[in-house]
Amino acid sequence: ELVPQIDLPINNNDDSNDPLLAASAADDASSWYIKCKTPLLYGPYWDTSKVAITGTRRRLQHLLLEQQQRKKHHGLFDTKQQEFQVAMDWLYMHPFDAIHESHKSVVVVRDMGNVFQGQLCWKEFVVAFESLLEDTVILQDMVQLVHGDIHAGNILIHKPSKQQEPKLILVDWDEAAREKPFHRNTPTEQEKRQYPAALVHFPDLYTKYQFQELFEYYIQKYYYYHTETGDADSWQRFQQEHVASIEEQGFKATVRHRHKMLSAFLHLHPTET
């Protein structure tokens, strides 16, 4: 539900007044989405925001404050600029801890824009999509948080200001999981493609595979003409740099995983000779 201009505190943690983090919740004119979940409707996903939102916020805060102290005392700031910006952007979107009660989980997230429906020209889209993929992978590497539900309904288009280029934003992080994605039931062929079970134990490939499926969806729905012309060069470069041979990599990774599990089993249960 979209609730305009809710009067909420900047943060409910003791470090809410830190100058490094204050900007992440300083926009008083923001609108907010409030997502309320209960066990009855969401089953095993109902309270995952405790890790996905609250846990991630605190880990990012700790990381940035640690870097700030290091710079203050040693003149060093070894977090890369892109990592710093990814962390700040995520904290800007989620400036509040999730609220947890025995039968209710509440997530408050800043309204970041509208669902992306091909509002960008082809070249703008390719740049924005590559940036979204890179930022998502960076965040995943920083805090080991895997979104796991990357699809068109969770991608928004956001224009920070007149001077800045529009960005694509990945939202709905409250059901993300630490280290590896949840294993989801996939009764349909579309869901099998969207949630590749063979890659659950390989989160980096899982995320990139979901982005590949998303990119192909956008191509078919909004940019099909460009793949039939010379403009497809950007797509070829994107494939080579980010998602090339994902299916092959996933297959090899799955084989290695099964071999490792088999070896462990045989070690515990040696065959009698």
Protein backbone atom coordinates (compact mmCIF):
# COMPACT_ATOMS: atom_id res chain seq x y z
CA GLU A 1 0.00 0.00 0.00
CA LEU A 2 1.32 3.45 -0.90
CA VAL A 3 1.02 5.88 1.98
CA PRO A 4 2.01 9.50 1.16
CA GLN A 5 4.21 11.51 3.50
CA ILE A 6 4.08 9.36 6.61
CA ASP A 7 5.72 11.01 9.60
CA LEU A 8 8.28 8.44 10.70
CA PRO A 9 11.56 8.74 12.62
CA ILE A 10 14.75 8.71 10.57
CA ASN A 11 15.94 5.51 12.21
CA ASN A 12 15.23 3.41 15.26
CA ASN A 13 18.88 2.63 15.99
CA ASP A 14 21.27 4.51 18.26
CA ASP A 15 23.45 5.47 15.28
CA SER A 16 20.61 7.25 13.46
CA ASN A 17 22.24 10.66 13.76
CA ASP A 18 25.51 9.65 12.20
CA PRO A 19 26.28 12.17 9.41
CA LEU A 20 27.29 9.37 7.03
CA LEU A 21 23.85 7.77 7.28
CA ALA A 22 21.55 10.73 7.87
CA ALA A 23 21.22 11.43 4.15
CA SER A 24 19.67 8.01 3.64
CA ALA A 25 16.44 9.15 5.31
CA ALA A 26 16.51 12.93 5.12
CA ASP A 27 13.90 13.43 2.41
CA ASP A 28 10.79 14.51 4.36
CA ALA A 29 8.71 14.68 1.18
CA SER A 30 9.06 10.98 0.45
CA SER A 31 6.17 8.60 0.09
CA TRP A 32 6.39 5.13 1.55
CA TYR A 33 5.25 1.61 0.84
CA ILE A 34 4.23 -0.38 3.89
CA LYS A 35 4.19 -4.17 3.50
CA CYS A 36 2.50 -6.14 6.27
CA LYS A 37 2.93 -9.90 6.33
CA THR A 38 1.44 -12.66 8.46
CA PRO A 39 2.30 -16.38 8.70
CA LEU A 40 -1.12 -17.31 7.38
CA LEU A 41 -0.58 -15.66 3.98
CA TYR A 42 3.19 -15.86 3.58
CA GLY A 43 4.09 -19.12 5.26
CA PRO A 44 7.87 -19.61 5.59
CA TYR A 45 8.57 -16.19 4.02
CA TRP A 46 6.59 -14.10 6.46
CA ASP A 47 9.42 -12.92 8.75
CA THR A 48 12.49 -13.15 6.51
CA SER A 49 12.73 -9.36 6.60
CA LYS A 50 14.43 -9.73 9.97
CA VAL A 51 17.53 -10.81 8.04
CA ALA A 52 16.84 -9.25 4.66
CA ILE A 53 16.02 -5.72 5.85
CA THR A 54 17.10 -5.26 9.47
CA GLY A 55 20.16 -7.49 9.26
CA THR A 56 21.33 -6.00 5.97
CA ARG A 57 20.83 -2.43 7.15
CA ARG A 58 22.93 -3.01 10.24
CA ARG A 59 25.68 -4.79 8.33
CA LEU A 60 25.90 -1.97 5.80
CA GLN A 61 25.85 0.63 8.57
CA HIS A 62 28.62 -1.18 10.40
CA LEU A 63 30.69 -1.45 7.22
CA LEU A 64 30.33 2.25 6.36
CA LEU A 65 30.97 3.44 9.91
CA GLU A 66 34.04 1.23 10.11
CA GLN A 67 35.34 2.73 6.89
CA GLN A 68 34.58 6.23 8.17
CA GLN A 69 36.59 5.60 11.33
CA ARG A 70 39.46 4.16 9.31
CA LYS A 71 39.53 7.25 7.13
CA LYS A 72 39.37 9.52 10.18
CA HIS A 73 42.29 7.87 11.97
CA HIS A 74 44.44 6.62 9.11
CA GLY A 75 43.39 8.72 6.14
CA LEU A 76 42.22 5.59 4.35
CA PHE A 77 38.87 4.74 2.83
CA ASP A 78 39.36 1.39 1.14
CA THR A 79 35.73 0.77 0.22
CA LYS A 80 35.47 1.36 -3.51
CA GLN A 81 33.36 4.32 -4.56
CA GLN A 82 30.84 2.07 -6.33
CA GLU A 83 30.49 -0.13 -3.24
CA PHE A 84 29.99 2.97 -1.10
CA GLN A 85 27.29 4.27 -3.44
CA VAL A 86 25.53 0.91 -3.62
CA ALA A 87 25.39 0.77 0.18
CA MET A 88 24.10 4.33 0.48
CA ASP A 89 21.46 3.78 -2.21
CA TRP A 90 20.18 0.67 -0.45
CA LEU A 91 20.08 2.44 2.92
CA TYR A 92 18.22 5.33 1.28
CA MET A 93 15.57 2.88 0.09
CA HIS A 94 15.39 1.11 3.47
CA PRO A 95 16.05 3.72 6.19
CA PHE A 96 14.02 1.81 8.83
CA ASP A 97 14.37 -1.53 10.53
CA ALA A 98 11.59 -4.01 9.89
CA ILE A 99 9.03 -4.31 12.71
CA HIS A 100 8.55 -7.81 14.11
CA GLU A 101 5.86 -9.10 16.39
CA SER A 102 4.78 -12.65 17.11
CA HIS A 103 2.27 -12.76 14.24
CA LYS A 104 3.17 -9.77 12.11
CA SER A 105 6.09 -8.47 10.08
CA VAL A 106 6.04 -4.88 8.79
CA VAL A 107 8.48 -3.42 6.25
CA VAL A 108 8.58 0.29 5.40
CA VAL A 109 10.33 1.17 2.15
CA ARG A 110 10.75 4.48 0.38
CA ASP A 111 8.78 4.90 -2.84
CA MET A 112 11.47 4.75 -5.53
CA GLY A 113 9.41 5.20 -8.69
CA ASN A 114 7.16 3.35 -11.10
CA VAL A 115 7.34 -0.15 -12.53
CA PHE A 116 9.62 -0.17 -15.57
CA GLN A 117 7.60 -0.63 -18.76
CA GLY A 118 10.04 0.32 -21.49
CA GLN A 119 10.20 4.05 -20.66
CA LEU A 120 13.85 4.28 -21.76
CA CYS A 121 15.26 4.25 -25.25
CA TRP A 122 17.36 1.22 -26.18
CA LYS A 123 20.77 2.70 -25.35
CA GLU A 124 19.55 4.16 -22.05
CA PHE A 125 18.00 0.83 -21.17
CA VAL A 126 21.17 -1.16 -21.81
CA VAL A 127 23.25 1.21 -19.67
CA ALA A 128 20.68 1.23 -16.85
CA PHE A 129 20.25 -2.54 -16.93
CA GLU A 130 24.01 -3.21 -16.82
CA SER A 131 24.30 -0.80 -13.90
CA LEU A 132 21.47 -2.55 -12.05
CA LEU A 133 23.10 -5.94 -12.51
CA GLU A 134 26.49 -4.68 -11.35
CA ASP A 135 25.02 -2.96 -8.28
CA THR A 136 23.02 -6.06 -7.33
CA VAL A 137 26.07 -8.31 -7.59
CA ILE A 138 28.16 -5.83 -5.58
CA LEU A 139 25.57 -5.76 -2.78
CA GLN A 140 25.37 -9.55 -2.84
CA ASP A 141 29.16 -9.77 -2.48
CA MET A 142 29.23 -7.16 0.29
CA VAL A 143 26.61 -8.67 2.62
CA GLN A 144 25.95 -12.13 1.12
CA LEU A 145 22.29 -11.25 0.54
CA VAL A 146 20.60 -12.94 -2.42
CA HIS A 147 17.40 -11.31 -3.66
CA GLY A 148 16.20 -14.51 -5.31
CA ASP A 149 13.03 -13.05 -6.86
CA ILE A 150 14.26 -10.90 -9.74
CA HIS A 151 11.45 -10.32 -12.24
CA ALA A 152 9.79 -7.43 -14.08
CA GLY A 153 7.33 -6.69 -11.27
CA ASN A 154 10.22 -5.87 -8.93
CA ILE A 155 12.05 -3.44 -11.23
CA LEU A 156 11.25 0.26 -10.92
CA ILE A 157 12.47 3.25 -12.91
CA HIS A 158 13.78 6.07 -10.74
CA LYS A 159 15.09 9.50 -11.71
CA PRO A 160 16.96 11.02 -8.75
CA SER A 161 17.16 14.56 -10.18
CA LYS A 162 17.18 16.54 -13.41
CA GLN A 163 20.97 16.36 -13.49
CA GLN A 164 21.13 12.57 -13.07
CA GLU A 165 20.31 9.81 -15.49
CA PRO A 166 17.31 7.56 -14.75
CA LYS A 167 18.11 4.37 -12.88
CA LEU A 168 16.53 0.95 -12.66
CA ILE A 169 15.91 -0.11 -9.06
CA LEU A 170 15.42 -3.63 -7.70
CA VAL A 171 12.82 -3.62 -4.91
CA ASP A 172 11.00 -6.12 -2.67
CA TRP A 173 14.02 -7.26 -0.65
CA ASP A 174 12.06 -8.44 2.38
CA GLU A 175 12.10 -12.10 1.24
CA ALA A 176 15.78 -12.17 0.30
CA ALA A 177 18.00 -14.78 1.93
CA ARG A 178 21.52 -14.82 3.28
CA GLU A 179 24.22 -16.69 1.33
CA LYS A 180 21.90 -18.56 -1.05
CA PRO A 181 18.33 -18.11 -2.34
CA PHE A 182 15.35 -19.99 -1.04
CA HIS A 183 14.45 -23.15 -2.89
CA ARG A 184 11.01 -22.34 -4.36
CA ASN A 185 8.35 -24.65 -5.69
CA THR A 186 8.28 -24.35 -9.48
CA PRO A 187 5.22 -26.15 -10.87
CA THR A 188 5.19 -24.31 -14.22
CA GLU A 189 7.80 -24.11 -16.96
CA GLN A 190 7.98 -20.33 -16.58
CA GLU A 191 8.70 -20.67 -12.85
CA LYS A 192 11.32 -23.31 -13.54
CA ARG A 193 13.12 -20.80 -15.78
CA GLN A 194 12.64 -17.94 -13.32
CA TYR A 195 13.87 -19.89 -10.27
CA PRO A 196 16.62 -22.27 -11.50
CA ALA A 197 16.76 -25.04 -8.90
CA ALA A 198 20.10 -26.33 -10.21
CA LEU A 199 21.77 -23.04 -9.23
CA VAL A 200 20.41 -22.61 -5.69
CA HIS A 201 23.80 -23.57 -4.21
CA PHE A 202 25.58 -21.15 -6.56
CA PRO A 203 24.10 -17.73 -5.70
CA ASP A 204 26.26 -15.68 -8.07
CA LEU A 205 25.12 -17.75 -11.04
CA TYR A 206 21.55 -17.81 -9.73
CA THR A 207 21.36 -14.02 -9.66
CA LYS A 208 22.95 -13.59 -13.09
CA TYR A 209 20.65 -16.24 -14.56
CA GLN A 210 17.61 -14.38 -13.26
CA PHE A 211 18.93 -11.19 -14.81
CA GLN A 212 19.40 -12.99 -18.11
CA GLU A 213 15.78 -14.16 -18.03
CA LEU A 214 14.68 -10.62 -17.16
CA PHE A 215 16.71 -9.08 -19.97
CA GLU A 216 15.24 -11.49 -22.50
CA TYR A 217 11.74 -10.66 -21.23
CA TYR A 218 12.35 -6.94 -21.75
CA ILE A 219 13.79 -7.60 -25.21
CA GLN A 220 10.73 -9.53 -26.28
CA LYS A 221 8.25 -7.06 -24.77
CA TYR A 222 9.79 -3.64 -25.45
CA TYR A 223 12.97 -3.84 -27.55
CA TYR A 224 12.49 -6.68 -30.00
CA TYR A 225 13.14 -4.44 -33.01
CA HIS A 226 16.65 -3.64 -31.79
CA THR A 227 17.65 -7.30 -31.65
CA GLU A 228 16.78 -7.59 -35.34
CA THR A 229 19.06 -4.70 -36.29
CA GLY A 230 22.63 -3.60 -35.69
CA ASP A 231 21.63 -2.28 -32.26
CA ALA A 232 21.93 -5.83 -30.92
CA ASP A 233 25.69 -5.28 -30.39
CA SER A 234 24.99 -4.01 -26.88
CA TRP A 235 23.14 -7.20 -26.06
CA GLN A 236 26.04 -9.33 -27.34
CA ARG A 237 28.49 -7.36 -25.22
CA PHE A 238 26.21 -7.65 -22.21
CA GLN A 239 26.07 -11.43 -22.66
CA GLN A 240 29.83 -11.75 -23.00
CA GLU A 241 30.61 -9.62 -19.96
CA HIS A 242 27.95 -10.73 -17.51
CA VAL A 243 25.88 -13.79 -18.33
CA ALA A 244 27.79 -15.72 -20.99
CA SER A 245 27.61 -19.50 -20.62
CA ILE A 246 25.56 -19.30 -17.42
CA GLU A 247 23.75 -22.52 -18.25
CA GLU A 248 27.07 -24.27 -18.95
CA GLN A 249 28.61 -22.89 -15.76
CA GLY A 250 25.54 -23.89 -13.78
CA PHE A 251 25.66 -27.43 -15.16
CA LYS A 252 29.36 -27.80 -14.33
CA ALA A 253 28.80 -26.34 -10.86
CA THR A 254 25.93 -28.74 -10.24
CA VAL A 255 28.06 -31.69 -11.32
CA ARG A 256 30.85 -30.60 -8.97
CA HIS A 257 28.37 -30.20 -6.12
CA ARG A 258 26.86 -33.65 -6.69
CA HIS A 259 30.34 -35.19 -6.94
CA LYS A 260 31.30 -33.56 -3.64
CA MET A 261 28.13 -34.83 -1.95
CA LEU A 262 28.69 -38.33 -3.35
CA SER A 263 32.30 -38.35 -2.15
CA ALA A 264 31.19 -37.30 1.32
CA PHE A 265 28.55 -40.02 1.37
CA LEU A 266 31.03 -42.71 0.27
CA HIS A 267 33.49 -41.51 2.92
CA LEU A 268 30.85 -41.93 5.62
CA HIS A 269 29.54 -45.20 4.19
CA PRO A 270 32.46 -47.04 2.56
CA THR A 271 31.52 -49.88 0.27
CA GLU A 272 32.31 -53.30 1.67
CA THR A 273 34.72 -55.32 -0.42
